[in-house]
Amino acid sequence: MIVHKNPTVAFNTIFGRIGIRSPYLWLEGISSSKPLLDDMKIYHNSRSEAVIRALSDFGIEESFANAATRFGEHYHYEIGPSAVARSTKKTAQQAMDFIEDKFSDVEPVQDNDAIKQMLVELDGCEIRTAQFTRVEGTTETTPVYNNPQKAKIIKWRDVRLGFARPLDSESKIFAGKMDSYPSVVSQMHSAAVLIGMTPETQVVGVADGGIGLSEELKKQFSTMQFILDKSHLRDHLYETAEELGIKKKERSAWVNQRVKDISAGKIDAVLKELEDENEKNSNKRRSRLIGYIKRFSDSLNYGKFKSMGYPIGSGEIESAHKSIPQKRLKIPGASWKSDSINPMLSLRILRANGWWEDFWEQRTEEVEAA
């Protein structure tokens, strides 16, 4: 074979851009080869694994523009924000696949490693998404390329995050995505098995009163004692007090007395009082509160739960929302394509779960094997 062409291609490393000869080998009528591309996977303007990791490292922590600036400060050459975005999002997609594989191949632990009590919490937050849609009935076009004018449609989408941890430990595994309760709770179940849950493990679940949430948690965690987040009960009581016309200065006393009675296990007594009042003077908001308390009647004995060492609030997962999805996906002015949210969240979860190094080791092995 002879060198038919031998162009120089640019290759990005953490030491800067370097030029590498990329010979095109050719044997007339028989065969041809590009060793740099075929064997080393190096093509013009490609990046080393170290650069890809650095871009992902910066891109998952702050805006792509700031990530590009930080990369330049550390490695002393420029990569544009759009290049950082493309690289980070591609890595994020691989991170999502890594997590899916991690949760799909979970093996139950041996009995001597089983966890006796497990805590799971789940909560949601809204992330802003944007989609450009063609404006119907207009002939306006863009000034440069003369394309049809499009409108930016903003929607807020619910992202759900949960965790599982032994009740007597602070070490936890997170799971989450923009998806239905069954899908997210399924990942949480896998996370719980991953750290030692067995069919005999007593599971404590804390969450708000979202429609279908407690039911799904109980369905997938058969031994669960569900606890309604106490602050959400308090919010319902305050909303009812306001609707009933109770004066602002008297609301706290009205709410606090009922929270105190419910926490002491006097749930039936509180229900009877509310039902008696509703018979005398029917009120839709009070009827809603009665239905709410009945729905969670086995999840409100806060005094008993505290005595057993169980948490009665979901502050732990609410705090995690601030540090995992919101810290990156909810920065001021940010809006996302819907299909970017789960991959980017997966990259955040990788770091929170301590799987960052495992992910990059596996990725490097796959690249080398290819």
Protein backbone atom coordinates (compact mmCIF):
# COMPACT_ATOMS: atom_id res chain seq x y z
CA MET A 1 0.00 0.00 0.00
CA ILE A 2 1.14 3.54 -0.67
CA VAL A 3 0.32 6.85 0.98
CA HIS A 4 -2.17 8.34 -1.42
CA LYS A 5 -2.98 11.38 0.76
CA ASN A 6 -1.54 12.54 4.08
CA PRO A 7 -3.57 15.49 5.43
CA THR A 8 -3.11 16.99 8.89
CA VAL A 9 -6.13 16.76 11.20
CA ALA A 10 -6.71 18.79 14.36
CA PHE A 11 -7.08 16.82 17.59
CA ASN A 12 -8.14 18.43 20.90
CA THR A 13 -6.27 17.34 24.03
CA ILE A 14 -6.12 18.87 27.50
CA PHE A 15 -2.70 20.21 26.49
CA GLY A 16 -4.20 22.06 23.52
CA ARG A 17 -4.93 21.42 19.86
CA ILE A 18 -2.37 19.36 18.05
CA GLY A 19 -1.94 18.50 14.38
CA ILE A 20 -1.67 14.81 13.47
CA ARG A 21 -0.87 13.34 10.08
CA SER A 22 -3.72 11.10 8.91
CA PRO A 23 -2.43 9.01 5.99
CA TYR A 24 -4.80 7.50 3.49
CA LEU A 25 -3.23 4.19 2.45
CA TRP A 26 -4.19 2.79 -0.91
CA LEU A 27 -3.46 -0.24 -3.05
CA GLU A 28 -5.00 0.24 -6.47
CA GLY A 29 -7.95 -1.98 -7.10
CA ILE A 30 -7.43 -4.02 -3.92
CA SER A 31 -7.82 -2.16 -0.63
CA SER A 32 -7.55 1.13 1.26
CA SER A 33 -7.13 2.14 4.90
CA LYS A 34 -7.18 5.18 7.21
CA PRO A 35 -5.35 3.92 10.33
CA LEU A 36 -5.85 7.08 12.40
CA LEU A 37 -9.62 6.96 11.90
CA ASP A 38 -10.18 3.20 11.69
CA ASP A 39 -7.89 2.12 14.55
CA MET A 40 -7.61 5.16 16.83
CA LYS A 41 -11.00 6.79 16.14
CA ILE A 42 -9.32 10.16 15.60
CA TYR A 43 -10.90 12.47 13.05
CA HIS A 44 -10.66 16.19 12.33
CA ASN A 45 -11.62 18.34 15.35
CA SER A 46 -12.28 15.28 17.54
CA ARG A 47 -11.47 15.29 21.27
CA SER A 48 -9.55 13.07 23.63
CA GLU A 49 -11.40 11.29 26.45
CA ALA A 50 -9.79 13.68 28.94
CA VAL A 51 -11.26 16.69 27.10
CA ILE A 52 -14.70 15.07 26.86
CA ARG A 53 -14.63 14.36 30.59
CA ALA A 54 -13.53 17.91 31.42
CA LEU A 55 -16.31 19.40 29.27
CA SER A 56 -18.88 17.16 30.97
CA ASP A 57 -17.45 18.00 34.38
CA PHE A 58 -17.92 21.72 33.78
CA GLY A 59 -21.09 21.44 31.68
CA ILE A 60 -23.06 19.55 34.29
CA GLU A 61 -22.32 22.11 37.01
CA GLU A 62 -23.09 25.43 35.32
CA SER A 63 -24.31 27.03 32.10
CA PHE A 64 -22.58 25.92 28.91
CA ALA A 65 -21.26 29.45 28.40
CA ASN A 66 -19.67 29.48 31.85
CA ALA A 67 -18.41 25.93 31.32
CA ALA A 68 -16.63 27.06 28.13
CA THR A 69 -15.04 29.92 30.07
CA ARG A 70 -13.85 27.60 32.82
CA PHE A 71 -12.41 25.18 30.29
CA GLY A 72 -10.42 28.02 28.74
CA GLU A 73 -9.15 29.11 32.16
CA HIS A 74 -7.98 25.58 33.01
CA TYR A 75 -6.59 24.39 29.68
CA HIS A 76 -5.69 27.69 27.98
CA TYR A 77 -7.52 27.32 24.70
CA GLU A 78 -11.08 28.01 23.64
CA ILE A 79 -14.00 25.68 22.99
CA GLY A 80 -17.32 27.38 22.25
CA PRO A 81 -20.47 27.04 24.40
CA SER A 82 -22.35 25.15 21.65
CA ALA A 83 -19.52 22.59 21.45
CA VAL A 84 -19.63 22.19 25.24
CA ALA A 85 -23.41 21.69 25.04
CA ARG A 86 -23.16 19.03 22.33
CA SER A 87 -20.40 17.14 24.14
CA THR A 88 -22.10 17.28 27.55
CA LYS A 89 -25.49 16.21 26.21
CA LYS A 90 -23.95 13.29 24.32
CA THR A 91 -22.20 12.16 27.50
CA ALA A 92 -25.43 12.69 29.44
CA GLN A 93 -27.26 10.30 27.11
CA GLN A 94 -24.63 7.66 27.87
CA ALA A 95 -25.02 8.42 31.59
CA MET A 96 -28.76 7.75 31.33
CA ASP A 97 -28.05 4.38 29.68
CA PHE A 98 -25.50 3.60 32.43
CA ILE A 99 -28.08 4.26 35.17
CA GLU A 100 -30.77 2.25 33.38
CA ASP A 101 -28.36 -0.69 33.17
CA LYS A 102 -27.37 -0.23 36.81
CA PHE A 103 -30.97 -0.45 37.98
CA SER A 104 -31.99 -3.25 35.60
CA ASP A 105 -29.37 -5.77 36.72
CA VAL A 106 -29.91 -5.59 40.49
CA GLU A 107 -29.31 -8.79 42.44
CA PRO A 108 -30.79 -9.22 45.96
CA VAL A 109 -28.19 -9.26 48.74
CA GLN A 110 -27.46 -12.22 50.97
CA ASP A 111 -29.52 -12.45 54.17
CA ASN A 112 -26.60 -11.49 56.40
CA ASP A 113 -26.22 -8.22 54.46
CA ALA A 114 -29.92 -7.36 54.49
CA ILE A 115 -31.10 -4.00 55.79
CA LYS A 116 -33.73 -4.23 58.53
CA GLN A 117 -35.28 -0.79 57.97
CA MET A 118 -35.18 1.31 54.82
CA LEU A 119 -36.23 4.92 54.23
CA VAL A 120 -37.48 6.12 50.85
CA GLU A 121 -38.58 9.64 49.97
CA LEU A 122 -39.92 11.09 46.73
CA ASP A 123 -40.76 14.61 45.64
CA GLY A 124 -41.11 16.62 42.45
CA CYS A 125 -40.04 19.98 41.08
CA GLU A 126 -40.88 21.82 37.89
CA ILE A 127 -38.29 22.45 35.16
CA ARG A 128 -38.89 24.89 32.32
CA THR A 129 -38.95 23.46 28.80
CA ALA A 130 -39.11 25.30 25.50
CA GLN A 131 -40.18 24.22 22.04
CA PHE A 132 -40.19 26.25 18.84
CA THR A 133 -43.37 25.78 16.84
CA ARG A 134 -44.26 27.19 13.46
CA VAL A 135 -46.73 30.06 13.72
CA GLU A 136 -49.88 29.19 11.81
CA GLY A 137 -51.44 31.78 9.56
CA THR A 138 -48.36 34.00 9.20
CA THR A 139 -46.11 34.63 6.23
CA GLU A 140 -43.30 36.17 8.28
CA THR A 141 -39.86 34.65 7.85
CA THR A 142 -36.51 34.87 9.61
CA PRO A 143 -34.21 37.65 8.35
CA VAL A 144 -31.11 35.60 7.51
CA TYR A 145 -32.23 32.23 6.15
CA ASN A 146 -35.79 33.20 5.23
CA ASN A 147 -37.26 30.29 7.20
CA PRO A 148 -40.88 30.33 8.44
CA GLN A 149 -41.27 32.31 11.67
CA LYS A 150 -41.57 30.16 14.81
CA ALA A 151 -42.94 30.87 18.29
CA LYS A 152 -41.28 29.75 21.52
CA ILE A 153 -43.70 27.65 23.59
CA ILE A 154 -42.80 27.44 27.29
CA LYS A 155 -44.02 24.57 29.46
CA TRP A 156 -43.13 23.57 33.01
CA ARG A 157 -42.56 19.82 33.37
CA ASP A 158 -42.54 17.81 36.58
CA VAL A 159 -39.22 16.14 37.37
CA ARG A 160 -39.39 13.52 40.12
CA LEU A 161 -36.48 12.64 42.37
CA GLY A 162 -36.33 10.03 45.10
CA PHE A 163 -33.82 8.16 47.21
CA ALA A 164 -33.44 5.02 49.27
CA ARG A 165 -31.20 4.65 52.31
CA PRO A 166 -30.94 2.49 55.42
CA LEU A 167 -32.88 4.21 58.19
CA ASP A 168 -29.82 4.26 60.44
CA SER A 169 -27.41 5.57 57.78
CA GLU A 170 -26.89 8.76 55.81
CA SER A 171 -25.60 6.89 52.74
CA LYS A 172 -28.25 6.95 50.02
CA ILE A 173 -28.85 6.21 46.35
CA PHE A 174 -30.88 8.62 44.23
CA ALA A 175 -33.17 7.83 41.33
CA GLY A 176 -35.26 10.17 39.25
CA LYS A 177 -36.48 11.39 35.89
CA MET A 178 -39.24 13.23 34.12
CA ASP A 179 -41.66 10.31 34.01
CA SER A 180 -44.67 8.71 35.68
CA TYR A 181 -44.77 7.60 39.32
CA PRO A 182 -44.58 3.87 38.41
CA SER A 183 -41.40 4.39 36.39
CA VAL A 184 -39.63 6.52 39.02
CA VAL A 185 -40.73 4.33 41.95
CA SER A 186 -39.47 1.28 40.03
CA GLN A 187 -36.01 2.86 39.91
CA MET A 188 -36.25 3.65 43.63
CA HIS A 189 -37.11 0.02 44.32
CA SER A 190 -34.02 -1.08 42.39
CA ALA A 191 -31.95 1.44 44.36
CA ALA A 192 -33.27 -0.01 47.61
CA VAL A 193 -32.44 -3.57 46.53
CA LEU A 194 -28.99 -2.38 45.47
CA ILE A 195 -28.18 -1.29 49.02
CA GLY A 196 -29.68 -4.26 50.84
CA MET A 197 -33.48 -4.34 50.82
CA THR A 198 -35.10 -7.78 50.99
CA PRO A 199 -38.78 -8.82 51.14
CA GLU A 200 -38.47 -8.75 54.94
CA THR A 201 -37.08 -5.21 55.17
CA GLN A 202 -39.44 -2.73 56.85
CA VAL A 203 -39.74 0.25 54.52
CA VAL A 204 -40.70 3.74 55.65
CA GLY A 205 -41.88 6.07 52.92
CA VAL A 206 -42.29 9.84 53.28
CA ALA A 207 -43.88 11.99 50.57
CA ASP A 208 -46.64 14.49 49.88
CA GLY A 209 -50.22 13.70 48.94
CA GLY A 210 -49.77 13.67 45.17
CA ILE A 211 -52.53 11.80 43.33
CA GLY A 212 -51.45 8.17 43.03
CA LEU A 213 -48.07 8.64 44.75
CA SER A 214 -48.68 6.87 48.06
CA GLU A 215 -50.59 4.13 46.25
CA GLU A 216 -47.69 3.47 43.88
CA LEU A 217 -45.14 3.44 46.71
CA LYS A 218 -47.21 0.92 48.68
CA LYS A 219 -47.72 -1.18 45.56
CA GLN A 220 -44.00 -1.56 44.82
CA PHE A 221 -42.81 -1.60 48.45
CA SER A 222 -45.09 -4.21 49.98
CA THR A 223 -43.88 -3.70 53.58
CA MET A 224 -44.12 0.09 53.52
CA GLN A 225 -45.41 2.31 56.28
CA PHE A 226 -46.30 5.46 54.36
CA ILE A 227 -46.06 8.79 56.19
CA LEU A 228 -47.69 11.91 54.80
CA ASP A 229 -45.30 14.85 54.98
CA LYS A 230 -46.55 16.82 57.99
CA SER A 231 -46.12 20.22 56.36
CA HIS A 232 -48.54 19.22 53.57
CA LEU A 233 -51.22 18.33 56.11
CA ARG A 234 -50.64 21.69 57.75
CA ASP A 235 -50.97 23.45 54.38
CA HIS A 236 -54.32 21.73 53.77
CA LEU A 237 -55.58 22.83 57.16
CA TYR A 238 -54.52 26.44 56.56
CA GLU A 239 -56.22 26.50 53.15
CA THR A 240 -59.40 25.11 54.72
CA ALA A 241 -59.30 27.66 57.55
CA GLU A 242 -58.99 30.48 55.03
CA GLU A 243 -61.88 29.13 52.93
CA LEU A 244 -64.05 28.81 56.05
CA GLY A 245 -63.53 32.49 56.77
CA ILE A 246 -61.56 32.03 59.99
CA LYS A 247 -59.83 35.31 60.78
CA LYS A 248 -56.11 35.44 60.04
CA LYS A 249 -55.09 35.97 63.67
CA GLU A 250 -57.16 32.93 64.73
CA ARG A 251 -56.05 30.53 61.99
CA SER A 252 -52.82 29.39 63.64
CA ALA A 253 -54.65 28.31 66.79
CA TRP A 254 -57.31 26.48 64.73
CA VAL A 255 -54.69 24.67 62.63
CA ASN A 256 -52.25 23.92 65.45
CA GLN A 257 -54.92 22.31 67.64
CA ARG A 258 -55.95 19.93 64.90
CA VAL A 259 -52.35 19.10 63.98
CA LYS A 260 -51.68 18.40 67.65
CA ASP A 261 -54.70 16.10 67.95
CA ILE A 262 -53.90 14.26 64.71
CA SER A 263 -50.26 13.84 65.77
CA ALA A 264 -51.44 12.33 69.06
CA GLY A 265 -53.46 9.72 67.19
CA LYS A 266 -56.88 11.39 67.67
CA ILE A 267 -57.62 11.19 63.96
CA ASP A 268 -61.14 9.82 64.36
CA ALA A 269 -62.02 12.59 66.78
CA VAL A 270 -60.83 15.29 64.38
CA LEU A 271 -62.74 13.66 61.53
CA LYS A 272 -65.94 13.49 63.57
CA GLU A 273 -65.64 17.16 64.49
CA LEU A 274 -65.16 18.18 60.86
CA GLU A 275 -67.99 15.94 59.65
CA ASP A 276 -70.37 17.29 62.33
CA GLU A 277 -69.53 20.84 61.30
CA ASN A 278 -70.07 19.95 57.66
CA GLU A 279 -73.50 18.53 58.36
CA LYS A 280 -74.54 21.82 59.95
CA ASN A 281 -72.90 24.01 57.31
CA SER A 282 -71.71 22.19 54.19
CA ASN A 283 -68.47 23.48 52.66
CA LYS A 284 -66.63 22.03 49.64
CA ARG A 285 -63.17 22.84 50.98
CA ARG A 286 -63.91 21.23 54.33
CA SER A 287 -65.29 18.19 52.49
CA ARG A 288 -62.01 17.96 50.60
CA LEU A 289 -60.08 18.08 53.88
CA ILE A 290 -62.25 15.29 55.31
CA GLY A 291 -61.55 13.14 52.25
CA TYR A 292 -57.84 13.95 52.48
CA ILE A 293 -57.59 12.90 56.13
CA LYS A 294 -59.55 9.69 55.45
CA ARG A 295 -57.27 8.84 52.54
CA PHE A 296 -54.19 9.15 54.74
CA SER A 297 -55.70 8.03 58.04
CA ASP A 298 -52.98 5.39 58.54
CA SER A 299 -50.20 7.86 57.68
CA LEU A 300 -50.80 10.68 60.16
CA ASN A 301 -49.92 9.35 63.62
CA TYR A 302 -46.85 11.59 63.83
CA GLY A 303 -46.29 11.15 67.57
CA LYS A 304 -46.08 7.38 67.20
CA PHE A 305 -43.85 7.64 64.13
CA LYS A 306 -41.41 9.97 65.90
CA SER A 307 -41.21 7.61 68.87
CA MET A 308 -40.19 4.85 66.45
CA GLY A 309 -37.41 7.00 64.98
CA TYR A 310 -39.19 7.66 61.68
CA PRO A 311 -38.98 11.06 59.92
CA ILE A 312 -42.30 12.88 59.56
CA GLY A 313 -41.23 15.37 56.90
CA SER A 314 -39.77 15.14 53.42
CA GLY A 315 -37.18 17.87 53.94
CA GLU A 316 -34.34 15.53 53.03
CA ILE A 317 -35.53 14.96 49.47
CA GLU A 318 -36.66 18.58 49.09
CA SER A 319 -33.10 19.64 49.93
CA ALA A 320 -31.76 17.11 47.41
CA HIS A 321 -33.92 18.69 44.71
CA LYS A 322 -32.05 21.95 45.20
CA SER A 323 -28.63 20.32 44.89
CA ILE A 324 -29.31 17.77 42.14
CA PRO A 325 -31.82 18.83 39.43
CA GLN A 326 -32.43 22.45 40.32
CA LYS A 327 -28.79 23.51 40.72
CA ARG A 328 -28.18 22.88 37.02
CA LEU A 329 -31.54 22.55 35.27
CA LYS A 330 -33.19 25.51 36.96
CA ILE A 331 -30.51 28.19 36.69
CA PRO A 332 -31.93 31.67 35.87
CA GLY A 333 -33.12 31.94 32.28
CA ALA A 334 -32.56 28.27 31.45
CA SER A 335 -35.05 26.34 29.36
CA TRP A 336 -34.58 22.85 27.97
CA LYS A 337 -35.78 20.62 25.22
CA SER A 338 -37.86 17.90 26.85
CA ASP A 339 -35.60 15.12 25.59
CA SER A 340 -32.55 16.75 27.23
CA ILE A 341 -33.90 16.73 30.79
CA ASN A 342 -33.57 13.05 31.70
CA PRO A 343 -30.03 12.67 30.30
CA MET A 344 -28.81 15.83 32.08
CA LEU A 345 -30.50 14.73 35.31
CA SER A 346 -28.82 11.32 34.95
CA LEU A 347 -25.41 12.97 34.82
CA ARG A 348 -26.27 14.88 38.02
CA ILE A 349 -27.46 11.66 39.69
CA LEU A 350 -24.25 9.86 38.67
CA ARG A 351 -22.26 12.37 40.68
CA ALA A 352 -24.65 12.38 43.64
CA ASN A 353 -24.52 8.56 43.85
CA GLY A 354 -20.74 8.39 43.70
CA TRP A 355 -20.83 6.56 40.35
CA TRP A 356 -18.86 9.20 38.44
CA GLU A 357 -15.58 7.26 38.33
CA ASP A 358 -17.34 3.96 37.53
CA PHE A 359 -19.10 5.60 34.60
CA TRP A 360 -15.90 7.02 33.09
CA GLU A 361 -13.98 3.78 33.59
CA GLN A 362 -16.70 1.85 31.75
CA ARG A 363 -16.90 4.48 29.01
CA THR A 364 -13.13 4.37 28.48
CA GLU A 365 -13.18 0.58 28.27
CA GLU A 366 -15.94 0.72 25.66
CA VAL A 367 -14.07 3.31 23.61
CA GLU A 368 -10.88 1.23 23.68
CA ALA A 369 -12.79 -1.94 22.81
CA ALA A 370 -14.39 -0.25 19.82
